Amino acid sequence: MNKKFIKVAFVAAIAMVSGVNVFNAQKVNALSDIALANVEALADEESDLADAIWNREDYTLDNGLPAATCWKGGNQNCIVK
């Protein structure tokens, strides 16, 4: 009877540890407001190409698509539309 009790206690302990692990895995870790702000800041486009500090020469490629060559120092943006 003593061996049977030890086996049951061992199985119960494993079941309890497994249950705790499942419970902890289901918790949702919400990001703080600062962390969310940092993620949003990193996701924002911070390209120099959008700034109006470029000289731009527009031209058309052989396939008819618009293109541009840009270099620093002007007063235009370098976004090809």
PDB file of N, CA and C in Angstrom:
ATOM      1  N   MET A   1       0.822  -1.194   0.000  1.00  0.00           N
ATOM      2  CA  MET A   1       0.000   0.000   0.000  1.00  0.00           C
ATOM      3  C   MET A   1       0.867   1.260   0.000  1.00  0.00           C
ATOM      4  N   ASN A   2       2.007   1.194   0.668  1.00  0.00           N
ATOM      5  CA  ASN A   2       2.917   2.321   0.744  1.00  0.00           C
ATOM      6  C   ASN A   2       3.473   2.660  -0.637  1.00  0.00           C
ATOM      7  N   LYS A   3       3.808   1.650  -1.446  1.00  0.00           N
ATOM      8  CA  LYS A   3       4.324   1.883  -2.798  1.00  0.00           C
ATOM      9  C   LYS A   3       3.249   2.507  -3.684  1.00  0.00           C
ATOM     10  N   LYS A   4       2.001   2.069  -3.509  1.00  0.00           N
ATOM     11  CA  LYS A   4       0.907   2.613  -4.306  1.00  0.00           C
ATOM     12  C   LYS A   4       0.701   4.095  -3.973  1.00  0.00           C
ATOM     13  N   PHE A   5       0.783   4.453  -2.701  1.00  0.00           N
ATOM     14  CA  PHE A   5       0.635   5.852  -2.281  1.00  0.00           C
ATOM     15  C   PHE A   5       1.748   6.714  -2.877  1.00  0.00           C
ATOM     16  N   ILE A   6       2.960   6.223  -2.889  1.00  0.00           N
ATOM     17  CA  ILE A   6       4.082   6.975  -3.457  1.00  0.00           C
ATOM     18  C   ILE A   6       3.877   7.188  -4.962  1.00  0.00           C
ATOM     19  N   LYS A   7       3.405   6.161  -5.659  1.00  0.00           N
ATOM     20  CA  LYS A   7       3.144   6.297  -7.097  1.00  0.00           C
ATOM     21  C   LYS A   7       2.060   7.333  -7.362  1.00  0.00           C
ATOM     22  N   VAL A   8       0.991   7.289  -6.573  1.00  0.00           N
ATOM     23  CA  VAL A   8      -0.107   8.253  -6.738  1.00  0.00           C
ATOM     24  C   VAL A   8       0.382   9.661  -6.430  1.00  0.00           C
ATOM     25  N   ALA A   9       1.166   9.817  -5.384  1.00  0.00           N
ATOM     26  CA  ALA A   9       1.704  11.132  -5.026  1.00  0.00           C
ATOM     27  C   ALA A   9       2.635  11.647  -6.125  1.00  0.00           C
ATOM     28  N   PHE A  10       3.442  10.765  -6.704  1.00  0.00           N
ATOM     29  CA  PHE A  10       4.344  11.143  -7.786  1.00  0.00           C
ATOM     30  C   PHE A  10       3.559  11.605  -9.012  1.00  0.00           C
ATOM     31  N   VAL A  11       2.529  10.887  -9.384  1.00  0.00           N
ATOM     32  CA  VAL A  11       1.695  11.256 -10.536  1.00  0.00           C
ATOM     33  C   VAL A  11       0.981  12.583 -10.260  1.00  0.00           C
ATOM     34  N   ALA A  12       0.499  12.761  -9.026  1.00  0.00           N
ATOM     35  CA  ALA A  12      -0.179  14.008  -8.663  1.00  0.00           C
ATOM     36  C   ALA A  12       0.783  15.194  -8.736  1.00  0.00           C
ATOM     37  N   ALA A  13       2.017  14.996  -8.309  1.00  0.00           N
ATOM     38  CA  ALA A  13       3.014  16.076  -8.358  1.00  0.00           C
ATOM     39  C   ALA A  13       3.330  16.456  -9.806  1.00  0.00           C
ATOM     40  N   ILE A  14       3.468  15.459 -10.657  1.00  0.00           N
ATOM     41  CA  ILE A  14       3.740  15.737 -12.075  1.00  0.00           C
ATOM     42  C   ILE A  14       2.558  16.462 -12.701  1.00  0.00           C
ATOM     43  N   ALA A  15       1.343  16.033 -12.364  1.00  0.00           N
ATOM     44  CA  ALA A  15       0.151  16.687 -12.892  1.00  0.00           C
ATOM     45  C   ALA A  15       0.074  18.137 -12.413  1.00  0.00           C
ATOM     46  N   MET A  16       0.441  18.387 -11.171  1.00  0.00           N
ATOM     47  CA  MET A  16       0.389  19.740 -10.637  1.00  0.00           C
ATOM     48  C   MET A  16       1.429  20.641 -11.319  1.00  0.00           C
ATOM     49  N   VAL A  17       2.634  20.132 -11.498  1.00  0.00           N
ATOM     50  CA  VAL A  17       3.674  20.909 -12.172  1.00  0.00           C
ATOM     51  C   VAL A  17       3.265  21.192 -13.617  1.00  0.00           C
ATOM     52  N   SER A  18       2.696  20.209 -14.278  1.00  0.00           N
ATOM     53  CA  SER A  18       2.230  20.410 -15.656  1.00  0.00           C
ATOM     54  C   SER A  18       1.125  21.454 -15.710  1.00  0.00           C
ATOM     55  N   GLY A  19       0.202  21.394 -14.764  1.00  0.00           N
ATOM     56  CA  GLY A  19      -0.892  22.367 -14.712  1.00  0.00           C
ATOM     57  C   GLY A  19      -0.391  23.779 -14.495  1.00  0.00           C
ATOM     58  N   VAL A  20       0.596  23.945 -13.618  1.00  0.00           N
ATOM     59  CA  VAL A  20       1.176  25.268 -13.375  1.00  0.00           C
ATOM     60  C   VAL A  20       1.852  25.781 -14.642  1.00  0.00           C
ATOM     61  N   ASN A  21       2.575  24.905 -15.352  1.00  0.00           N
ATOM     62  CA  ASN A  21       3.239  25.328 -16.584  1.00  0.00           C
ATOM     63  C   ASN A  21       2.230  25.746 -17.650  1.00  0.00           C
ATOM     64  N   VAL A  22       1.140  25.008 -17.781  1.00  0.00           N
ATOM     65  CA  VAL A  22       0.099  25.374 -18.747  1.00  0.00           C
ATOM     66  C   VAL A  22      -0.526  26.706 -18.361  1.00  0.00           C
ATOM     67  N   PHE A  23      -0.794  26.893 -17.082  1.00  0.00           N
ATOM     68  CA  PHE A  23      -1.383  28.154 -16.616  1.00  0.00           C
ATOM     69  C   PHE A  23      -0.456  29.325 -16.914  1.00  0.00           C
ATOM     70  N   ASN A  24       0.820  29.183 -16.640  1.00  0.00           N
ATOM     71  CA  ASN A  24       1.780  30.257 -16.889  1.00  0.00           C
ATOM     72  C   ASN A  24       1.940  30.540 -18.380  1.00  0.00           C
ATOM     73  N   ALA A  25       1.809  29.532 -19.201  1.00  0.00           N
ATOM     74  CA  ALA A  25       1.948  29.722 -20.639  1.00  0.00           C
ATOM     75  C   ALA A  25       0.773  30.495 -21.220  1.00  0.00           C
ATOM     76  N   GLN A  26      -0.365  30.474 -20.554  1.00  0.00           N
ATOM     77  CA  GLN A  26      -1.548  31.151 -21.069  1.00  0.00           C
ATOM     78  C   GLN A  26      -1.627  32.608 -20.653  1.00  0.00           C
ATOM     79  N   LYS A  27      -0.751  33.049 -19.799  1.00  0.00           N
ATOM     80  CA  LYS A  27      -0.756  34.450 -19.374  1.00  0.00           C
ATOM     81  C   LYS A  27      -0.361  35.332 -20.553  1.00  0.00           C
ATOM     82  N   VAL A  28      -1.026  36.464 -20.658  1.00  0.00           N
ATOM     83  CA  VAL A  28      -0.711  37.423 -21.715  1.00  0.00           C
ATOM     84  C   VAL A  28       0.164  38.505 -21.098  1.00  0.00           C
ATOM     85  N   ASN A  29       1.348  38.669 -21.654  1.00  0.00           N
ATOM     86  CA  ASN A  29       2.248  39.709 -21.173  1.00  0.00           C
ATOM     87  C   ASN A  29       1.994  40.972 -21.981  1.00  0.00           C
ATOM     88  N   ALA A  30       1.246  41.893 -21.409  1.00  0.00           N
ATOM     89  CA  ALA A  30       0.956  43.147 -22.092  1.00  0.00           C
ATOM     90  C   ALA A  30       2.176  44.060 -21.996  1.00  0.00           C
ATOM     91  N   LEU A  31       2.468  44.740 -23.093  1.00  0.00           N
ATOM     92  CA  LEU A  31       3.592  45.664 -23.091  1.00  0.00           C
ATOM     93  C   LEU A  31       3.188  46.953 -22.391  1.00  0.00           C
ATOM     94  N   SER A  32       4.123  47.565 -21.735  1.00  0.00           N
ATOM     95  CA  SER A  32       3.846  48.839 -21.090  1.00  0.00           C
ATOM     96  C   SER A  32       3.671  49.924 -22.160  1.00  0.00           C
ATOM     97  N   ASP A  33       3.141  51.056 -21.757  1.00  0.00           N
ATOM     98  CA  ASP A  33       2.941  52.166 -22.690  1.00  0.00           C
ATOM     99  C   ASP A  33       4.265  52.625 -23.286  1.00  0.00           C
ATOM    100  N   ILE A  34       5.315  52.602 -22.482  1.00  0.00           N
ATOM    101  CA  ILE A  34       6.628  53.031 -22.981  1.00  0.00           C
ATOM    102  C   ILE A  34       7.143  52.042 -24.021  1.00  0.00           C
ATOM    103  N   ALA A  35       6.978  50.761 -23.757  1.00  0.00           N
ATOM    104  CA  ALA A  35       7.428  49.755 -24.718  1.00  0.00           C
ATOM    105  C   ALA A  35       6.643  49.865 -26.018  1.00  0.00           C
ATOM    106  N   LEU A  36       5.327  50.081 -25.928  1.00  0.00           N
ATOM    107  CA  LEU A  36       4.520  50.258 -27.142  1.00  0.00           C
ATOM    108  C   LEU A  36       4.944  51.503 -27.913  1.00  0.00           C
ATOM    109  N   ALA A  37       5.244  52.579 -27.203  1.00  0.00           N
ATOM    110  CA  ALA A  37       5.708  53.806 -27.872  1.00  0.00           C
ATOM    111  C   ALA A  37       7.037  53.553 -28.576  1.00  0.00           C
ATOM    112  N   ASN A  38       7.915  52.783 -27.955  1.00  0.00           N
ATOM    113  CA  ASN A  38       9.193  52.466 -28.588  1.00  0.00           C
ATOM    114  C   ASN A  38       8.999  51.629 -29.845  1.00  0.00           C
ATOM    115  N   VAL A  39       8.089  50.665 -29.793  1.00  0.00           N
ATOM    116  CA  VAL A  39       7.817  49.832 -30.967  1.00  0.00           C
ATOM    117  C   VAL A  39       7.252  50.686 -32.098  1.00  0.00           C
ATOM    118  N   GLU A  40       6.328  51.582 -31.769  1.00  0.00           N
ATOM    119  CA  GLU A  40       5.747  52.450 -32.786  1.00  0.00           C
ATOM    120  C   GLU A  40       6.808  53.380 -33.378  1.00  0.00           C
ATOM    121  N   ALA A  41       7.693  53.884 -32.528  1.00  0.00           N
ATOM    122  CA  ALA A  41       8.753  54.776 -33.022  1.00  0.00           C
ATOM    123  C   ALA A  41       9.696  54.031 -33.955  1.00  0.00           C
ATOM    124  N   LEU A  42      10.001  52.791 -33.626  1.00  0.00           N
ATOM    125  CA  LEU A  42      10.876  52.011 -34.501  1.00  0.00           C
ATOM    126  C   LEU A  42      10.189  51.648 -35.812  1.00  0.00           C
ATOM    127  N   ALA A  43       8.875  51.537 -35.788  1.00  0.00           N
ATOM    128  CA  ALA A  43       8.142  51.167 -36.993  1.00  0.00           C
ATOM    129  C   ALA A  43       7.933  52.352 -37.931  1.00  0.00           C
ATOM    130  N   ASP A  44       8.023  53.576 -37.409  1.00  0.00           N
ATOM    131  CA  ASP A  44       7.836  54.757 -38.253  1.00  0.00           C
ATOM    132  C   ASP A  44       8.953  54.859 -39.273  1.00  0.00           C
ATOM    133  N   GLU A  45       8.592  55.364 -40.434  1.00  0.00           N
ATOM    134  CA  GLU A  45       9.597  55.559 -41.481  1.00  0.00           C
ATOM    135  C   GLU A  45      10.452  56.758 -41.123  1.00  0.00           C
ATOM    136  N   GLU A  46      11.728  56.545 -41.017  1.00  0.00           N
ATOM    137  CA  GLU A  46      12.649  57.621 -40.676  1.00  0.00           C
ATOM    138  C   GLU A  46      13.671  57.809 -41.780  1.00  0.00           C
ATOM    139  N   SER A  47      13.254  57.631 -42.979  1.00  0.00           N
ATOM    140  CA  SER A  47      14.169  57.703 -44.098  1.00  0.00           C
ATOM    141  C   SER A  47      14.486  59.144 -44.454  1.00  0.00           C
ATOM    142  N   ASP A  48      15.747  59.416 -44.785  1.00  0.00           N
ATOM    143  CA  ASP A  48      16.134  60.747 -45.260  1.00  0.00           C
ATOM    144  C   ASP A  48      15.517  61.045 -46.613  1.00  0.00           C
ATOM    145  N   LEU A  49      15.064  60.019 -47.310  1.00  0.00           N
ATOM    146  CA  LEU A  49      14.504  60.231 -48.636  1.00  0.00           C
ATOM    147  C   LEU A  49      13.242  61.076 -48.599  1.00  0.00           C
ATOM    148  N   ALA A  50      12.529  61.096 -47.474  1.00  0.00           N
ATOM    149  CA  ALA A  50      11.292  61.858 -47.376  1.00  0.00           C
ATOM    150  C   ALA A  50      11.561  63.316 -47.030  1.00  0.00           C
ATOM    151  N   ASP A  51      12.741  63.632 -46.533  1.00  0.00           N
ATOM    152  CA  ASP A  51      13.052  65.009 -46.158  1.00  0.00           C
ATOM    153  C   ASP A  51      13.313  65.853 -47.397  1.00  0.00           C
ATOM    154  N   ALA A  52      12.932  67.121 -47.314  1.00  0.00           N
ATOM    155  CA  ALA A  52      13.079  68.020 -48.457  1.00  0.00           C
ATOM    156  C   ALA A  52      14.468  68.654 -48.458  1.00  0.00           C
ATOM    157  N   ILE A  53      15.500  67.835 -48.636  1.00  0.00           N
ATOM    158  CA  ILE A  53      16.868  68.357 -48.644  1.00  0.00           C
ATOM    159  C   ILE A  53      17.648  67.775 -49.813  1.00  0.00           C
ATOM    160  N   TRP A  54      16.966  67.460 -50.885  1.00  0.00           N
ATOM    161  CA  TRP A  54      17.588  66.754 -51.976  1.00  0.00           C
ATOM    162  C   TRP A  54      17.502  67.548 -53.276  1.00  0.00           C
ATOM    163  N   ASN A  55      18.491  67.370 -54.115  1.00  0.00           N
ATOM    164  CA  ASN A  55      18.367  67.723 -55.522  1.00  0.00           C
ATOM    165  C   ASN A  55      17.860  66.477 -56.215  1.00  0.00           C
ATOM    166  N   ARG A  56      16.981  66.643 -57.168  1.00  0.00           N
ATOM    167  CA  ARG A  56      16.390  65.475 -57.807  1.00  0.00           C
ATOM    168  C   ARG A  56      16.355  65.676 -59.314  1.00  0.00           C
ATOM    169  N   GLU A  57      16.738  64.635 -60.023  1.00  0.00           N
ATOM    170  CA  GLU A  57      16.640  64.619 -61.480  1.00  0.00           C
ATOM    171  C   GLU A  57      15.685  63.492 -61.854  1.00  0.00           C
ATOM    172  N   ASP A  58      14.529  63.861 -62.398  1.00  0.00           N
ATOM    173  CA  ASP A  58      13.532  62.869 -62.791  1.00  0.00           C
ATOM    174  C   ASP A  58      13.806  62.387 -64.213  1.00  0.00           C
ATOM    175  N   TYR A  59      13.532  61.127 -64.454  1.00  0.00           N
ATOM    176  CA  TYR A  59      13.652  60.561 -65.799  1.00  0.00           C
ATOM    177  C   TYR A  59      12.751  59.347 -65.908  1.00  0.00           C
ATOM    178  N   THR A  60      12.614  58.815 -67.078  1.00  0.00           N
ATOM    179  CA  THR A  60      11.775  57.644 -67.326  1.00  0.00           C
ATOM    180  C   THR A  60      12.658  56.486 -67.761  1.00  0.00           C
ATOM    181  N   LEU A  61      12.416  55.332 -67.167  1.00  0.00           N
ATOM    182  CA  LEU A  61      13.168  54.132 -67.525  1.00  0.00           C
ATOM    183  C   LEU A  61      12.725  53.630 -68.896  1.00  0.00           C
ATOM    184  N   ASP A  62      13.500  52.717 -69.478  1.00  0.00           N
ATOM    185  CA  ASP A  62      13.166  52.154 -70.787  1.00  0.00           C
ATOM    186  C   ASP A  62      11.805  51.463 -70.796  1.00  0.00           C
ATOM    187  N   ASN A  63      11.388  50.942 -69.630  1.00  0.00           N
ATOM    188  CA  ASN A  63      10.093  50.256 -69.568  1.00  0.00           C
ATOM    189  C   ASN A  63       8.938  51.218 -69.278  1.00  0.00           C
ATOM    190  N   GLY A  64       9.210  52.517 -69.259  1.00  0.00           N
ATOM    191  CA  GLY A  64       8.174  53.522 -69.081  1.00  0.00           C
ATOM    192  C   GLY A  64       7.898  53.927 -67.649  1.00  0.00           C
ATOM    193  N   LEU A  65       8.567  53.316 -66.687  1.00  0.00           N
ATOM    194  CA  LEU A  65       8.341  53.664 -65.290  1.00  0.00           C
ATOM    195  C   LEU A  65       9.133  54.906 -64.905  1.00  0.00           C
ATOM    196  N   PRO A  66       8.547  55.748 -64.036  1.00  0.00           N
ATOM    197  CA  PRO A  66       9.283  56.945 -63.599  1.00  0.00           C
ATOM    198  C   PRO A  66      10.405  56.572 -62.634  1.00  0.00           C
ATOM    199  N   ALA A  67      11.459  57.340 -62.646  1.00  0.00           N
ATOM    200  CA  ALA A  67      12.584  57.128 -61.740  1.00  0.00           C
ATOM    201  C   ALA A  67      13.204  58.480 -61.437  1.00  0.00           C
ATOM    202  N   ALA A  68      14.108  58.506 -60.476  1.00  0.00           N
ATOM    203  CA  ALA A  68      14.774  59.750 -60.114  1.00  0.00           C
ATOM    204  C   ALA A  68      16.149  59.429 -59.561  1.00  0.00           C
ATOM    205  N   THR A  69      17.051  60.347 -59.775  1.00  0.00           N
ATOM    206  CA  THR A  69      18.362  60.315 -59.149  1.00  0.00           C
ATOM    207  C   THR A  69      18.396  61.465 -58.164  1.00  0.00           C
ATOM    208  N   CYS A  70      18.793  61.197 -56.926  1.00  0.00           N
ATOM    209  CA  CYS A  70      18.781  62.220 -55.887  1.00  0.00           C
ATOM    210  C   CYS A  70      20.162  62.364 -55.269  1.00  0.00           C
ATOM    211  N   TRP A  71      20.485  63.582 -54.888  1.00  0.00           N
ATOM    212  CA  TRP A  71      21.714  63.836 -54.161  1.00  0.00           C
ATOM    213  C   TRP A  71      21.443  64.970 -53.185  1.00  0.00           C
ATOM    214  N   LYS A  72      22.157  64.960 -52.089  1.00  0.00           N
ATOM    215  CA  LYS A  72      21.910  65.928 -51.018  1.00  0.00           C
ATOM    216  C   LYS A  72      22.220  67.343 -51.451  1.00  0.00           C
ATOM    217  N   GLY A  73      21.498  68.266 -50.810  1.00  0.00           N
ATOM    218  CA  GLY A  73      21.838  69.670 -50.978  1.00  0.00           C
ATOM    219  C   GLY A  73      20.777  70.533 -51.607  1.00  0.00           C
ATOM    220  N   GLY A  74      19.645  69.998 -51.959  1.00  0.00           N
ATOM    221  CA  GLY A  74      18.627  70.812 -52.613  1.00  0.00           C
ATOM    222  C   GLY A  74      17.469  71.137 -51.707  1.00  0.00           C
ATOM    223  N   ASN A  75      16.313  71.381 -52.326  1.00  0.00           N
ATOM    224  CA  ASN A  75      15.125  71.724 -51.562  1.00  0.00           C
ATOM    225  C   ASN A  75      13.927  70.871 -51.986  1.00  0.00           C
ATOM    226  N   GLN A  76      14.176  69.704 -52.548  1.00  0.00           N
ATOM    227  CA  GLN A  76      13.095  68.826 -52.995  1.00  0.00           C
ATOM    228  C   GLN A  76      13.148  67.522 -52.196  1.00  0.00           C
ATOM    229  N   ASN A  77      12.029  66.791 -52.237  1.00  0.00           N
ATOM    230  CA  ASN A  77      12.068  65.459 -51.638  1.00  0.00           C
ATOM    231  C   ASN A  77      12.499  64.468 -52.688  1.00  0.00           C
ATOM    232  N   CYS A  78      12.767  63.243 -52.283  1.00  0.00           N
ATOM    233  CA  CYS A  78      13.263  62.238 -53.225  1.00  0.00           C
ATOM    234  C   CYS A  78      12.289  61.087 -53.344  1.00  0.00           C
ATOM    235  N   ILE A  79      11.005  61.368 -53.256  1.00  0.00           N
ATOM    236  CA  ILE A  79       9.982  60.346 -53.393  1.00  0.00           C
ATOM    237  C   ILE A  79       9.517  60.364 -54.847  1.00  0.00           C
ATOM    238  N   VAL A  80       9.639  59.246 -55.509  1.00  0.00           N
ATOM    239  CA  VAL A  80       9.206  59.128 -56.907  1.00  0.00           C
ATOM    240  C   VAL A  80       7.770  58.650 -56.903  1.00  0.00           C
ATOM    241  N   LYS A  81       6.900  59.418 -57.526  1.00  0.00           N
ATOM    242  CA  LYS A  81       5.474  59.038 -57.545  1.00  0.00           C
ATOM    243  C   LYS A  81       5.054  58.685 -58.935  1.00  0.00           C
TER     244      LYS A  81
END
